[in-house]
Amino acid sequence: MKVGKQTGPFPLIYVARILFVITQSLSQDKKAGIATALGLCSGLIVHITAATLGISTIIYQSALAFTVVKYTGAAYLLYLAWQSFKEKETGFAINHNKPFKYPSLYKKGILMNLLNPKVSLFFLALLPQFVNKSMGHITLQMLILGMIFLVQALVIFVAVSVFSEKLRHVLLTNSFIAKRMNIVKGLLLGLIGIQIAFSEK
């Protein structure tokens, strides 16, 4: 199985997650983006472990399993997009009193990563390229490399959250944009869902 070719789509996978963090930070605040980022990275732990133990190979070889997970993930994101389109304009005011549900965002981040089998395939293709066979302990090396990737991903996600919150305040000074933030959020989530649904192995 030539999984090495799976590194190609990864920039799209990474961009999709960054966009997901941005949408939460823009629609709420940086804490919402960070909560989402923590969920995404928690999901990465599962994918890294699956790749390290070879579980990703089983999913890849099963066309049915791969398709089910892929379309479930796409459907979930399209559902989130639909929810965003239904949100009221007042939900995006800077000084609103509606409490943020950070645990819910954390769970959404986990689900978004778990329901995309391409993330596991990426690690299955990437990690072995940096393993030093002469050192032995191949599984441990892959796990450590995966954790290093996870840490840098978390740093990037947090930085994006902070920047997005600043951008949010700028955008909300424009009443036209402020009243349509839910539409922007829905479009971004919808695009990510469509990208997952129509992507190939």
C-alpha atoms as a PDB file:
ATOM      1  CA  MET A   1       0.000   0.000   0.000  1.00  0.00           C
ATOM      2  CA  LYS A   2       1.527   3.325  -1.084  1.00  0.00           C
ATOM      3  CA  VAL A   3       0.335   5.605   1.636  1.00  0.00           C
ATOM      4  CA  GLY A   4       3.162   8.023   0.911  1.00  0.00           C
ATOM      5  CA  LYS A   5       0.925   9.750  -1.601  1.00  0.00           C
ATOM      6  CA  GLN A   6      -1.425  10.754   1.210  1.00  0.00           C
ATOM      7  CA  THR A   7       0.777  13.661   2.273  1.00  0.00           C
ATOM      8  CA  GLY A   8      -0.463  15.663  -0.690  1.00  0.00           C
ATOM      9  CA  PRO A   9      -3.955  16.551   0.612  1.00  0.00           C
ATOM     10  CA  PHE A  10      -2.642  17.418   4.065  1.00  0.00           C
ATOM     11  CA  PRO A  11      -2.416  21.194   3.531  1.00  0.00           C
ATOM     12  CA  LEU A  12      -6.175  21.135   2.864  1.00  0.00           C
ATOM     13  CA  ILE A  13      -6.734  19.070   6.021  1.00  0.00           C
ATOM     14  CA  TYR A  14      -4.672  21.518   8.072  1.00  0.00           C
ATOM     15  CA  VAL A  15      -6.327  24.577   6.528  1.00  0.00           C
ATOM     16  CA  ALA A  16      -9.756  23.091   7.253  1.00  0.00           C
ATOM     17  CA  ARG A  17      -8.936  22.823  10.945  1.00  0.00           C
ATOM     18  CA  ILE A  18      -7.505  26.327  11.074  1.00  0.00           C
ATOM     19  CA  LEU A  19     -10.684  27.634   9.433  1.00  0.00           C
ATOM     20  CA  PHE A  20     -12.740  25.762  12.025  1.00  0.00           C
ATOM     21  CA  VAL A  21     -10.798  27.445  14.837  1.00  0.00           C
ATOM     22  CA  ILE A  22     -11.168  30.823  13.119  1.00  0.00           C
ATOM     23  CA  THR A  23     -14.942  30.447  12.818  1.00  0.00           C
ATOM     24  CA  GLN A  24     -15.293  29.793  16.546  1.00  0.00           C
ATOM     25  CA  SER A  25     -13.009  32.696  17.483  1.00  0.00           C
ATOM     26  CA  LEU A  26     -14.800  35.070  15.113  1.00  0.00           C
ATOM     27  CA  SER A  27     -18.275  34.082  16.275  1.00  0.00           C
ATOM     28  CA  GLN A  28     -17.440  34.040  20.006  1.00  0.00           C
ATOM     29  CA  ASP A  29     -13.965  34.813  21.376  1.00  0.00           C
ATOM     30  CA  LYS A  30     -10.424  33.476  21.590  1.00  0.00           C
ATOM     31  CA  LYS A  31     -11.369  31.127  24.445  1.00  0.00           C
ATOM     32  CA  ALA A  32     -13.899  29.492  22.133  1.00  0.00           C
ATOM     33  CA  GLY A  33     -11.173  29.054  19.522  1.00  0.00           C
ATOM     34  CA  ILE A  34      -8.761  27.622  22.091  1.00  0.00           C
ATOM     35  CA  ALA A  35     -11.415  25.212  23.404  1.00  0.00           C
ATOM     36  CA  THR A  36     -11.982  24.062  19.833  1.00  0.00           C
ATOM     37  CA  ALA A  37      -8.216  23.741  19.302  1.00  0.00           C
ATOM     38  CA  LEU A  38      -7.866  21.583  22.414  1.00  0.00           C
ATOM     39  CA  GLY A  39     -10.597  19.327  21.060  1.00  0.00           C
ATOM     40  CA  LEU A  40      -8.916  19.083  17.675  1.00  0.00           C
ATOM     41  CA  CYS A  41      -5.604  18.170  19.285  1.00  0.00           C
ATOM     42  CA  SER A  42      -7.295  15.598  21.524  1.00  0.00           C
ATOM     43  CA  GLY A  43      -8.640  14.048  18.353  1.00  0.00           C
ATOM     44  CA  LEU A  44      -5.124  14.056  16.922  1.00  0.00           C
ATOM     45  CA  ILE A  45      -4.004  11.840  19.813  1.00  0.00           C
ATOM     46  CA  VAL A  46      -6.406   9.159  18.608  1.00  0.00           C
ATOM     47  CA  HIS A  47      -5.199   9.459  14.995  1.00  0.00           C
ATOM     48  CA  ILE A  48      -1.534   9.404  15.999  1.00  0.00           C
ATOM     49  CA  THR A  49      -2.101   6.318  18.138  1.00  0.00           C
ATOM     50  CA  ALA A  50      -4.040   4.631  15.315  1.00  0.00           C
ATOM     51  CA  ALA A  51      -1.248   5.316  12.834  1.00  0.00           C
ATOM     52  CA  THR A  52       1.405   4.145  15.284  1.00  0.00           C
ATOM     53  CA  LEU A  53      -0.394   0.876  16.006  1.00  0.00           C
ATOM     54  CA  GLY A  54      -1.312   0.267  12.371  1.00  0.00           C
ATOM     55  CA  ILE A  55      -5.069   0.693  12.888  1.00  0.00           C
ATOM     56  CA  SER A  56      -5.099   3.357  10.161  1.00  0.00           C
ATOM     57  CA  THR A  57      -3.963   0.743   7.666  1.00  0.00           C
ATOM     58  CA  ILE A  58      -7.020  -1.371   8.434  1.00  0.00           C
ATOM     59  CA  ILE A  59      -9.335   1.616   7.882  1.00  0.00           C
ATOM     60  CA  TYR A  60      -7.580   2.508   4.638  1.00  0.00           C
ATOM     61  CA  GLN A  61      -7.879  -1.031   3.307  1.00  0.00           C
ATOM     62  CA  SER A  62     -11.591  -1.163   4.140  1.00  0.00           C
ATOM     63  CA  ALA A  63     -13.374   0.940   1.539  1.00  0.00           C
ATOM     64  CA  LEU A  64     -16.637   0.686   3.491  1.00  0.00           C
ATOM     65  CA  ALA A  65     -15.114   1.830   6.807  1.00  0.00           C
ATOM     66  CA  PHE A  66     -13.293   4.705   5.131  1.00  0.00           C
ATOM     67  CA  THR A  67     -16.428   5.856   3.294  1.00  0.00           C
ATOM     68  CA  VAL A  68     -18.665   5.628   6.366  1.00  0.00           C
ATOM     69  CA  VAL A  69     -16.291   7.665   8.531  1.00  0.00           C
ATOM     70  CA  LYS A  70     -15.718  10.227   5.772  1.00  0.00           C
ATOM     71  CA  TYR A  71     -19.385  10.889   5.028  1.00  0.00           C
ATOM     72  CA  THR A  72     -20.294  10.906   8.702  1.00  0.00           C
ATOM     73  CA  GLY A  73     -17.720  13.635   9.242  1.00  0.00           C
ATOM     74  CA  ALA A  74     -18.949  15.627   6.254  1.00  0.00           C
ATOM     75  CA  ALA A  75     -22.567  15.306   7.403  1.00  0.00           C
ATOM     76  CA  TYR A  76     -21.625  16.512  10.895  1.00  0.00           C
ATOM     77  CA  LEU A  77     -19.939  19.635   9.530  1.00  0.00           C
ATOM     78  CA  LEU A  78     -22.857  20.393   7.234  1.00  0.00           C
ATOM     79  CA  TYR A  79     -25.141  20.061  10.263  1.00  0.00           C
ATOM     80  CA  LEU A  80     -23.001  22.606  12.132  1.00  0.00           C
ATOM     81  CA  ALA A  81     -23.208  24.897   9.083  1.00  0.00           C
ATOM     82  CA  TRP A  82     -27.006  24.573   9.069  1.00  0.00           C
ATOM     83  CA  GLN A  83     -27.070  25.465  12.787  1.00  0.00           C
ATOM     84  CA  SER A  84     -24.959  28.549  12.087  1.00  0.00           C
ATOM     85  CA  PHE A  85     -27.336  29.768   9.394  1.00  0.00           C
ATOM     86  CA  LYS A  86     -30.179  29.490  11.918  1.00  0.00           C
ATOM     87  CA  GLU A  87     -28.419  31.573  14.587  1.00  0.00           C
ATOM     88  CA  LYS A  88     -29.864  34.986  15.337  1.00  0.00           C
ATOM     89  CA  GLU A  89     -27.919  38.131  14.514  1.00  0.00           C
ATOM     90  CA  THR A  90     -27.908  39.184  18.168  1.00  0.00           C
ATOM     91  CA  GLY A  91     -25.813  36.148  19.011  1.00  0.00           C
ATOM     92  CA  PHE A  92     -22.747  37.909  17.616  1.00  0.00           C
ATOM     93  CA  ALA A  93     -22.767  41.091  19.641  1.00  0.00           C
ATOM     94  CA  ILE A  94     -19.501  41.719  21.458  1.00  0.00           C
ATOM     95  CA  ASN A  95     -21.047  42.414  24.829  1.00  0.00           C
ATOM     96  CA  HIS A  96     -23.772  39.780  24.896  1.00  0.00           C
ATOM     97  CA  ASN A  97     -24.553  37.895  28.092  1.00  0.00           C
ATOM     98  CA  LYS A  98     -25.092  34.447  26.622  1.00  0.00           C
ATOM     99  CA  PRO A  99     -22.632  32.044  28.294  1.00  0.00           C
ATOM    100  CA  PHE A 100     -20.171  30.273  26.036  1.00  0.00           C
ATOM    101  CA  LYS A 101     -20.330  26.497  26.064  1.00  0.00           C
ATOM    102  CA  TYR A 102     -16.633  25.719  25.931  1.00  0.00           C
ATOM    103  CA  PRO A 103     -17.020  21.994  26.754  1.00  0.00           C
ATOM    104  CA  SER A 104     -19.380  21.711  23.768  1.00  0.00           C
ATOM    105  CA  LEU A 105     -16.801  23.353  21.506  1.00  0.00           C
ATOM    106  CA  TYR A 106     -14.145  20.990  22.850  1.00  0.00           C
ATOM    107  CA  LYS A 107     -16.341  18.027  21.903  1.00  0.00           C
ATOM    108  CA  LYS A 108     -16.968  19.509  18.451  1.00  0.00           C
ATOM    109  CA  GLY A 109     -13.217  19.768  17.910  1.00  0.00           C
ATOM    110  CA  ILE A 110     -12.727  16.124  18.859  1.00  0.00           C
ATOM    111  CA  LEU A 111     -15.535  14.951  16.585  1.00  0.00           C
ATOM    112  CA  MET A 112     -14.285  16.997  13.641  1.00  0.00           C
ATOM    113  CA  ASN A 113     -10.919  15.243  13.772  1.00  0.00           C
ATOM    114  CA  LEU A 114     -12.180  11.773  14.648  1.00  0.00           C
ATOM    115  CA  LEU A 115     -14.668  11.800  11.767  1.00  0.00           C
ATOM    116  CA  ASN A 116     -12.024  12.454   9.121  1.00  0.00           C
ATOM    117  CA  PRO A 117     -10.051   9.274   8.297  1.00  0.00           C
ATOM    118  CA  LYS A 118      -7.643  11.260   6.124  1.00  0.00           C
ATOM    119  CA  VAL A 119      -5.973  12.625   9.259  1.00  0.00           C
ATOM    120  CA  SER A 120      -4.945   9.101  10.287  1.00  0.00           C
ATOM    121  CA  LEU A 121      -3.756   8.364   6.761  1.00  0.00           C
ATOM    122  CA  PHE A 122      -1.631  11.499   6.822  1.00  0.00           C
ATOM    123  CA  PHE A 123       0.179  10.373   9.968  1.00  0.00           C
ATOM    124  CA  LEU A 124       0.498   6.859   8.540  1.00  0.00           C
ATOM    125  CA  ALA A 125       2.296   8.352   5.538  1.00  0.00           C
ATOM    126  CA  LEU A 126       4.302  11.053   7.304  1.00  0.00           C
ATOM    127  CA  LEU A 127       5.675   9.559  10.513  1.00  0.00           C
ATOM    128  CA  PRO A 128       7.609   6.599   9.026  1.00  0.00           C
ATOM    129  CA  GLN A 129       9.591   9.024   6.843  1.00  0.00           C
ATOM    130  CA  PHE A 130      11.279  10.457   9.949  1.00  0.00           C
ATOM    131  CA  VAL A 131      11.905   7.204  11.798  1.00  0.00           C
ATOM    132  CA  ASN A 132      15.518   6.101  12.283  1.00  0.00           C
ATOM    133  CA  LYS A 133      15.379   2.314  11.945  1.00  0.00           C
ATOM    134  CA  SER A 134      18.903   1.908  13.294  1.00  0.00           C
ATOM    135  CA  MET A 135      17.741   3.282  16.655  1.00  0.00           C
ATOM    136  CA  GLY A 136      15.038   0.636  17.031  1.00  0.00           C
ATOM    137  CA  HIS A 137      11.796   1.171  18.968  1.00  0.00           C
ATOM    138  CA  ILE A 138       9.973   2.179  15.765  1.00  0.00           C
ATOM    139  CA  THR A 139       6.577   2.444  17.428  1.00  0.00           C
ATOM    140  CA  LEU A 140       7.915   4.680  20.195  1.00  0.00           C
ATOM    141  CA  GLN A 141       9.674   6.917  17.688  1.00  0.00           C
ATOM    142  CA  MET A 142       6.486   7.345  15.684  1.00  0.00           C
ATOM    143  CA  LEU A 143       4.539   8.161  18.834  1.00  0.00           C
ATOM    144  CA  ILE A 144       7.074  10.805  19.908  1.00  0.00           C
ATOM    145  CA  LEU A 145       7.113  12.366  16.434  1.00  0.00           C
ATOM    146  CA  GLY A 146       3.337  12.453  16.460  1.00  0.00           C
ATOM    147  CA  MET A 147       3.281  14.201  19.839  1.00  0.00           C
ATOM    148  CA  ILE A 148       5.775  16.794  18.576  1.00  0.00           C
ATOM    149  CA  PHE A 149       3.459  17.475  15.652  1.00  0.00           C
ATOM    150  CA  LEU A 150       0.515  17.779  18.042  1.00  0.00           C
ATOM    151  CA  VAL A 151       2.305  20.378  20.182  1.00  0.00           C
ATOM    152  CA  GLN A 152       3.205  22.576  17.205  1.00  0.00           C
ATOM    153  CA  ALA A 153      -0.355  22.265  15.898  1.00  0.00           C
ATOM    154  CA  LEU A 154      -1.730  23.430  19.267  1.00  0.00           C
ATOM    155  CA  VAL A 155       0.621  26.427  19.297  1.00  0.00           C
ATOM    156  CA  ILE A 156      -0.523  27.434  15.817  1.00  0.00           C
ATOM    157  CA  PHE A 157      -4.201  26.967  16.680  1.00  0.00           C
ATOM    158  CA  VAL A 158      -3.882  29.106  19.821  1.00  0.00           C
ATOM    159  CA  ALA A 159      -2.086  31.853  17.880  1.00  0.00           C
ATOM    160  CA  VAL A 160      -4.828  31.764  15.254  1.00  0.00           C
ATOM    161  CA  SER A 161      -7.471  32.039  17.998  1.00  0.00           C
ATOM    162  CA  VAL A 162      -5.863  35.138  19.498  1.00  0.00           C
ATOM    163  CA  PHE A 163      -5.483  36.809  16.099  1.00  0.00           C
ATOM    164  CA  SER A 164      -9.032  35.913  15.067  1.00  0.00           C
ATOM    165  CA  GLU A 165     -10.511  37.493  18.181  1.00  0.00           C
ATOM    166  CA  LYS A 166      -8.752  40.758  17.344  1.00  0.00           C
ATOM    167  CA  LEU A 167     -10.081  40.509  13.799  1.00  0.00           C
ATOM    168  CA  ARG A 168     -13.546  39.825  15.214  1.00  0.00           C
ATOM    169  CA  HIS A 169     -13.609  43.165  17.033  1.00  0.00           C
ATOM    170  CA  VAL A 170     -12.604  44.934  13.845  1.00  0.00           C
ATOM    171  CA  LEU A 171     -15.275  43.168  11.808  1.00  0.00           C
ATOM    172  CA  LEU A 172     -18.007  43.836  14.332  1.00  0.00           C
ATOM    173  CA  THR A 173     -17.492  47.591  14.034  1.00  0.00           C
ATOM    174  CA  ASN A 174     -19.107  47.155  10.629  1.00  0.00           C
ATOM    175  CA  SER A 175     -22.816  46.594  11.261  1.00  0.00           C
ATOM    176  CA  PHE A 176     -23.294  44.943   7.851  1.00  0.00           C
ATOM    177  CA  ILE A 177     -20.683  42.276   8.616  1.00  0.00           C
ATOM    178  CA  ALA A 178     -21.713  41.943  12.262  1.00  0.00           C
ATOM    179  CA  LYS A 179     -25.265  41.029  11.276  1.00  0.00           C
ATOM    180  CA  ARG A 180     -24.003  38.351   8.910  1.00  0.00           C
ATOM    181  CA  MET A 181     -21.308  36.692  10.995  1.00  0.00           C
ATOM    182  CA  ASN A 182     -23.502  33.613  11.318  1.00  0.00           C
ATOM    183  CA  ILE A 183     -23.614  33.364   7.521  1.00  0.00           C
ATOM    184  CA  VAL A 184     -19.815  33.621   7.273  1.00  0.00           C
ATOM    185  CA  LYS A 185     -19.436  30.923   9.931  1.00  0.00           C
ATOM    186  CA  GLY A 186     -21.966  28.684   8.180  1.00  0.00           C
ATOM    187  CA  LEU A 187     -20.284  29.093   4.795  1.00  0.00           C
ATOM    188  CA  LEU A 188     -16.860  28.186   6.183  1.00  0.00           C
ATOM    189  CA  LEU A 189     -18.197  25.088   7.937  1.00  0.00           C
ATOM    190  CA  GLY A 190     -20.150  24.115   4.829  1.00  0.00           C
ATOM    191  CA  LEU A 191     -17.089  24.429   2.608  1.00  0.00           C
ATOM    192  CA  ILE A 192     -15.054  22.241   4.968  1.00  0.00           C
ATOM    193  CA  GLY A 193     -17.810  19.624   4.987  1.00  0.00           C
ATOM    194  CA  ILE A 194     -18.063  19.593   1.196  1.00  0.00           C
ATOM    195  CA  GLN A 195     -14.278  19.323   0.886  1.00  0.00           C
ATOM    196  CA  ILE A 196     -14.308  16.226   3.101  1.00  0.00           C
ATOM    197  CA  ALA A 197     -17.273  14.655   1.298  1.00  0.00           C
ATOM    198  CA  PHE A 198     -15.768  14.970  -2.182  1.00  0.00           C
ATOM    199  CA  SER A 199     -12.162  14.233  -1.315  1.00  0.00           C
ATOM    200  CA  GLU A 200     -10.717  10.904  -2.383  1.00  0.00           C
ATOM    201  CA  LYS A 201      -8.262   8.568  -0.730  1.00  0.00           C
END
